[in-house]
Amino acid sequence: MYRYPHRMIAVPDAIIEPCVTENWHNNDFAVLHLIKTTISDVECDLVDHFTTLKIAYNFLSTQHQKQGIFPQILLLQEALALRYSRSTPYPEMTSRF
C-alpha cells in the first residue's frame, strides 16, 4: 500500500478494467482513511476535505518536513510499532487509533 501515495501503482483504465479500477479506488480510499484515523485531530481537520490519498499524503509530507527531524522520528517510531492481526477485523483495528 505504500506505493499508492506515490502513484507507483497507476490508476487502471476504467473502460478496460472496471473491476480493477474500482479496487484501486477502494484501496486508495481505505489507506486515506487509515491515515486520517492515525493523525492528530488538527491534522485530520486540515486533510479532511482531500479526496485522494496522493493529495493528502503530499500535504502531510510537506507539513512534516517543515516541523524538523525530531517529530518525524517520533512518528516513524509510532508507525513502526503498529501491528495488525489477521484475526481482528480491519475497521476494529483502525478504530483504536
N, C-alpha and C. Protein backbone atom coordinates (compact mmCIF):
# COMPACT_ATOMS: atom_id res chain seq x y z
N MET A 1 0.81 -1.20 0.00
CA MET A 1 0.00 0.00 0.00
C MET A 1 0.86 1.27 0.00
N TYR A 2 2.12 1.16 0.37
CA TYR A 2 2.97 2.34 0.41
C TYR A 2 3.13 2.97 -0.96
N ARG A 3 2.84 2.22 -2.01
CA ARG A 3 3.02 2.75 -3.37
C ARG A 3 1.85 3.62 -3.81
N TYR A 4 0.73 3.57 -3.12
CA TYR A 4 -0.43 4.36 -3.53
C TYR A 4 -0.19 5.86 -3.47
N PRO A 5 0.35 6.40 -2.36
CA PRO A 5 0.50 7.86 -2.34
C PRO A 5 1.49 8.38 -3.38
N HIS A 6 2.38 7.55 -3.82
CA HIS A 6 3.37 7.99 -4.80
C HIS A 6 2.93 7.69 -6.23
N ARG A 7 1.75 7.10 -6.36
CA ARG A 7 1.19 6.71 -7.66
C ARG A 7 2.15 5.79 -8.42
N MET A 8 2.87 4.95 -7.67
CA MET A 8 3.71 3.94 -8.29
C MET A 8 2.83 2.85 -8.89
N ILE A 9 1.61 2.76 -8.40
CA ILE A 9 0.62 1.87 -8.98
C ILE A 9 -0.34 2.78 -9.74
N ALA A 10 -0.27 2.72 -11.06
CA ALA A 10 -1.09 3.61 -11.88
C ALA A 10 -2.57 3.28 -11.75
N VAL A 11 -3.40 4.31 -11.86
CA VAL A 11 -4.84 4.09 -11.85
C VAL A 11 -5.19 3.33 -13.12
N PRO A 12 -5.82 2.17 -12.98
CA PRO A 12 -6.17 1.38 -14.17
C PRO A 12 -7.21 2.09 -15.04
N ASP A 13 -7.25 1.71 -16.29
CA ASP A 13 -8.23 2.27 -17.22
C ASP A 13 -9.61 1.69 -16.90
N ALA A 14 -10.55 2.56 -16.56
CA ALA A 14 -11.88 2.12 -16.14
C ALA A 14 -12.67 1.44 -17.25
N ILE A 15 -12.36 1.77 -18.49
CA ILE A 15 -13.07 1.16 -19.61
C ILE A 15 -12.57 -0.27 -19.85
N ILE A 16 -11.27 -0.45 -19.74
CA ILE A 16 -10.68 -1.77 -19.99
C ILE A 16 -10.83 -2.70 -18.79
N GLU A 17 -10.62 -2.15 -17.59
CA GLU A 17 -10.65 -2.97 -16.37
C GLU A 17 -11.49 -2.29 -15.29
N PRO A 18 -12.80 -2.31 -15.44
CA PRO A 18 -13.64 -1.61 -14.46
C PRO A 18 -13.53 -2.16 -13.03
N CYS A 19 -13.42 -3.47 -12.88
CA CYS A 19 -13.32 -4.06 -11.53
C CYS A 19 -11.98 -3.71 -10.88
N VAL A 20 -10.92 -3.75 -11.66
CA VAL A 20 -9.60 -3.41 -11.13
C VAL A 20 -9.55 -1.94 -10.74
N THR A 21 -10.18 -1.10 -11.56
CA THR A 21 -10.23 0.34 -11.26
C THR A 21 -10.98 0.59 -9.95
N GLU A 22 -12.10 -0.09 -9.77
CA GLU A 22 -12.86 0.08 -8.53
C GLU A 22 -12.04 -0.38 -7.34
N ASN A 23 -11.34 -1.49 -7.47
CA ASN A 23 -10.48 -1.98 -6.40
C ASN A 23 -9.38 -0.97 -6.08
N TRP A 24 -8.79 -0.38 -7.11
CA TRP A 24 -7.74 0.62 -6.91
C TRP A 24 -8.28 1.79 -6.10
N HIS A 25 -9.45 2.30 -6.50
CA HIS A 25 -10.05 3.44 -5.79
C HIS A 25 -10.45 3.05 -4.36
N ASN A 26 -10.92 1.83 -4.16
CA ASN A 26 -11.26 1.37 -2.80
C ASN A 26 -10.01 1.31 -1.93
N ASN A 27 -8.91 0.83 -2.48
CA ASN A 27 -7.66 0.79 -1.72
C ASN A 27 -7.17 2.20 -1.39
N ASP A 28 -7.24 3.09 -2.36
CA ASP A 28 -6.83 4.48 -2.14
C ASP A 28 -7.66 5.09 -1.01
N PHE A 29 -8.97 4.87 -1.06
CA PHE A 29 -9.89 5.37 -0.03
C PHE A 29 -9.56 4.76 1.34
N ALA A 30 -9.30 3.46 1.37
CA ALA A 30 -9.02 2.77 2.64
C ALA A 30 -7.74 3.30 3.28
N VAL A 31 -6.70 3.47 2.49
CA VAL A 31 -5.43 3.95 3.04
C VAL A 31 -5.58 5.41 3.48
N LEU A 32 -6.30 6.21 2.70
CA LEU A 32 -6.54 7.61 3.10
C LEU A 32 -7.23 7.66 4.45
N HIS A 33 -8.24 6.84 4.65
CA HIS A 33 -8.97 6.86 5.93
C HIS A 33 -8.16 6.22 7.06
N LEU A 34 -7.31 5.29 6.74
CA LEU A 34 -6.42 4.75 7.76
C LEU A 34 -5.49 5.85 8.26
N ILE A 35 -4.95 6.63 7.34
CA ILE A 35 -4.08 7.74 7.73
C ILE A 35 -4.86 8.75 8.56
N LYS A 36 -6.08 9.05 8.16
CA LYS A 36 -6.89 10.02 8.91
C LYS A 36 -7.18 9.54 10.33
N THR A 37 -7.23 8.23 10.55
CA THR A 37 -7.51 7.73 11.90
C THR A 37 -6.27 7.72 12.77
N THR A 38 -5.10 7.90 12.18
CA THR A 38 -3.87 7.81 12.97
C THR A 38 -3.16 9.14 13.16
N ILE A 39 -3.65 10.20 12.51
CA ILE A 39 -3.01 11.51 12.67
C ILE A 39 -3.73 12.31 13.75
N SER A 40 -3.12 13.42 14.13
CA SER A 40 -3.72 14.25 15.18
C SER A 40 -5.03 14.87 14.69
N ASP A 41 -5.85 15.31 15.63
CA ASP A 41 -7.13 15.94 15.28
C ASP A 41 -6.91 17.19 14.44
N VAL A 42 -5.87 17.95 14.74
CA VAL A 42 -5.56 19.16 13.98
C VAL A 42 -5.23 18.81 12.54
N GLU A 43 -4.36 17.82 12.36
CA GLU A 43 -4.00 17.40 11.00
C GLU A 43 -5.21 16.82 10.28
N CYS A 44 -6.02 16.08 10.98
CA CYS A 44 -7.21 15.49 10.38
C CYS A 44 -8.15 16.57 9.86
N ASP A 45 -8.32 17.64 10.62
CA ASP A 45 -9.15 18.75 10.16
C ASP A 45 -8.57 19.39 8.90
N LEU A 46 -7.25 19.43 8.81
CA LEU A 46 -6.59 20.04 7.65
C LEU A 46 -6.73 19.19 6.38
N VAL A 47 -6.76 17.87 6.53
CA VAL A 47 -6.82 17.00 5.35
C VAL A 47 -8.20 16.40 5.12
N ASP A 48 -9.15 16.74 5.96
CA ASP A 48 -10.47 16.12 5.87
C ASP A 48 -11.15 16.31 4.52
N HIS A 49 -10.89 17.42 3.86
CA HIS A 49 -11.55 17.69 2.58
C HIS A 49 -10.84 17.05 1.38
N PHE A 50 -9.66 16.48 1.59
CA PHE A 50 -8.96 15.82 0.49
C PHE A 50 -9.65 14.50 0.16
N THR A 51 -9.78 14.22 -1.12
CA THR A 51 -10.50 13.03 -1.55
C THR A 51 -9.60 11.93 -2.08
N THR A 52 -8.30 12.22 -2.25
CA THR A 52 -7.39 11.17 -2.71
C THR A 52 -6.20 11.09 -1.76
N LEU A 53 -5.67 9.91 -1.67
CA LEU A 53 -4.51 9.67 -0.81
C LEU A 53 -3.32 10.51 -1.25
N LYS A 54 -3.08 10.62 -2.53
CA LYS A 54 -1.92 11.36 -3.03
C LYS A 54 -1.93 12.80 -2.56
N ILE A 55 -3.07 13.47 -2.67
CA ILE A 55 -3.17 14.87 -2.26
C ILE A 55 -2.95 15.01 -0.75
N ALA A 56 -3.59 14.16 0.03
CA ALA A 56 -3.44 14.22 1.49
C ALA A 56 -2.01 13.90 1.90
N TYR A 57 -1.43 12.87 1.28
CA TYR A 57 -0.07 12.48 1.61
C TYR A 57 0.92 13.60 1.29
N ASN A 58 0.78 14.21 0.12
CA ASN A 58 1.69 15.30 -0.25
C ASN A 58 1.57 16.47 0.72
N PHE A 59 0.34 16.80 1.12
CA PHE A 59 0.13 17.88 2.08
C PHE A 59 0.78 17.56 3.42
N LEU A 60 0.50 16.36 3.94
CA LEU A 60 1.08 15.98 5.23
C LEU A 60 2.60 15.89 5.17
N SER A 61 3.10 15.39 4.07
CA SER A 61 4.55 15.28 3.90
C SER A 61 5.21 16.67 3.97
N THR A 62 4.61 17.63 3.28
CA THR A 62 5.14 19.00 3.30
C THR A 62 5.07 19.58 4.70
N GLN A 63 3.95 19.36 5.40
CA GLN A 63 3.80 19.87 6.76
C GLN A 63 4.86 19.28 7.70
N HIS A 64 5.11 17.99 7.57
CA HIS A 64 6.06 17.34 8.47
C HIS A 64 7.50 17.71 8.15
N GLN A 65 7.79 17.99 6.91
CA GLN A 65 9.13 18.44 6.55
C GLN A 65 9.43 19.79 7.19
N LYS A 66 8.41 20.62 7.34
CA LYS A 66 8.57 21.93 7.96
C LYS A 66 8.82 21.83 9.46
N GLN A 67 8.38 20.73 10.09
CA GLN A 67 8.50 20.58 11.53
C GLN A 67 9.90 20.19 11.99
N GLY A 68 10.69 19.64 11.14
CA GLY A 68 12.03 19.21 11.52
C GLY A 68 12.09 17.71 11.74
N ILE A 69 13.26 17.26 12.15
CA ILE A 69 13.52 15.82 12.18
C ILE A 69 12.97 15.11 13.44
N PHE A 70 13.00 15.75 14.60
CA PHE A 70 12.60 15.07 15.83
C PHE A 70 11.15 14.59 15.80
N PRO A 71 10.18 15.45 15.45
CA PRO A 71 8.80 14.95 15.37
C PRO A 71 8.63 13.83 14.34
N GLN A 72 9.40 13.90 13.26
CA GLN A 72 9.32 12.86 12.24
C GLN A 72 9.82 11.52 12.79
N ILE A 73 10.87 11.56 13.59
CA ILE A 73 11.39 10.33 14.20
C ILE A 73 10.35 9.71 15.12
N LEU A 74 9.69 10.54 15.92
CA LEU A 74 8.64 10.03 16.81
C LEU A 74 7.50 9.40 16.02
N LEU A 75 7.10 10.04 14.93
CA LEU A 75 6.04 9.48 14.10
C LEU A 75 6.45 8.16 13.47
N LEU A 76 7.68 8.07 13.02
CA LEU A 76 8.17 6.82 12.45
C LEU A 76 8.18 5.71 13.50
N GLN A 77 8.58 6.03 14.71
CA GLN A 77 8.58 5.03 15.77
C GLN A 77 7.17 4.53 16.04
N GLU A 78 6.21 5.43 16.06
CA GLU A 78 4.81 5.03 16.26
C GLU A 78 4.32 4.16 15.11
N ALA A 79 4.64 4.57 13.89
CA ALA A 79 4.19 3.82 12.72
C ALA A 79 4.79 2.42 12.69
N LEU A 80 6.06 2.31 13.04
CA LEU A 80 6.72 1.01 13.03
C LEU A 80 6.24 0.11 14.16
N ALA A 81 5.66 0.70 15.19
CA ALA A 81 5.15 -0.08 16.31
C ALA A 81 3.75 -0.65 16.05
N LEU A 82 3.08 -0.17 15.00
CA LEU A 82 1.74 -0.68 14.68
C LEU A 82 1.81 -2.13 14.25
N ARG A 83 0.88 -2.92 14.74
CA ARG A 83 0.80 -4.33 14.36
C ARG A 83 -0.65 -4.65 14.03
N TYR A 84 -0.82 -5.36 12.96
CA TYR A 84 -2.15 -5.79 12.55
C TYR A 84 -2.26 -7.29 12.67
N SER A 85 -3.44 -7.73 13.01
CA SER A 85 -3.69 -9.15 13.17
C SER A 85 -4.74 -9.59 12.16
N ARG A 86 -4.52 -10.73 11.55
CA ARG A 86 -5.49 -11.25 10.59
C ARG A 86 -6.81 -11.63 11.27
N SER A 87 -6.75 -11.91 12.57
CA SER A 87 -7.95 -12.34 13.28
C SER A 87 -8.83 -11.15 13.72
N THR A 88 -8.30 -9.94 13.67
CA THR A 88 -9.06 -8.76 14.07
C THR A 88 -9.55 -8.03 12.82
N PRO A 89 -10.83 -7.73 12.74
CA PRO A 89 -11.35 -7.03 11.56
C PRO A 89 -10.67 -5.67 11.36
N TYR A 90 -10.45 -5.33 10.11
CA TYR A 90 -9.75 -4.09 9.75
C TYR A 90 -10.35 -2.85 10.42
N PRO A 91 -11.67 -2.62 10.35
CA PRO A 91 -12.22 -1.41 10.99
C PRO A 91 -11.98 -1.38 12.50
N GLU A 92 -12.02 -2.54 13.13
CA GLU A 92 -11.81 -2.60 14.58
C GLU A 92 -10.37 -2.21 14.93
N MET A 93 -9.42 -2.67 14.14
CA MET A 93 -8.01 -2.34 14.39
C MET A 93 -7.77 -0.86 14.22
N THR A 94 -8.31 -0.26 13.17
CA THR A 94 -8.05 1.15 12.91
C THR A 94 -8.81 2.06 13.86
N SER A 95 -9.88 1.58 14.46
CA SER A 95 -10.65 2.42 15.38
C SER A 95 -9.91 2.64 16.70
N ARG A 96 -8.89 1.85 16.96
CA ARG A 96 -8.12 2.00 18.21
C ARG A 96 -7.25 3.25 18.20
N PHE A 97 -7.00 3.80 17.04
CA PHE A 97 -6.04 4.90 16.93
C PHE A 97 -6.70 6.23 16.82
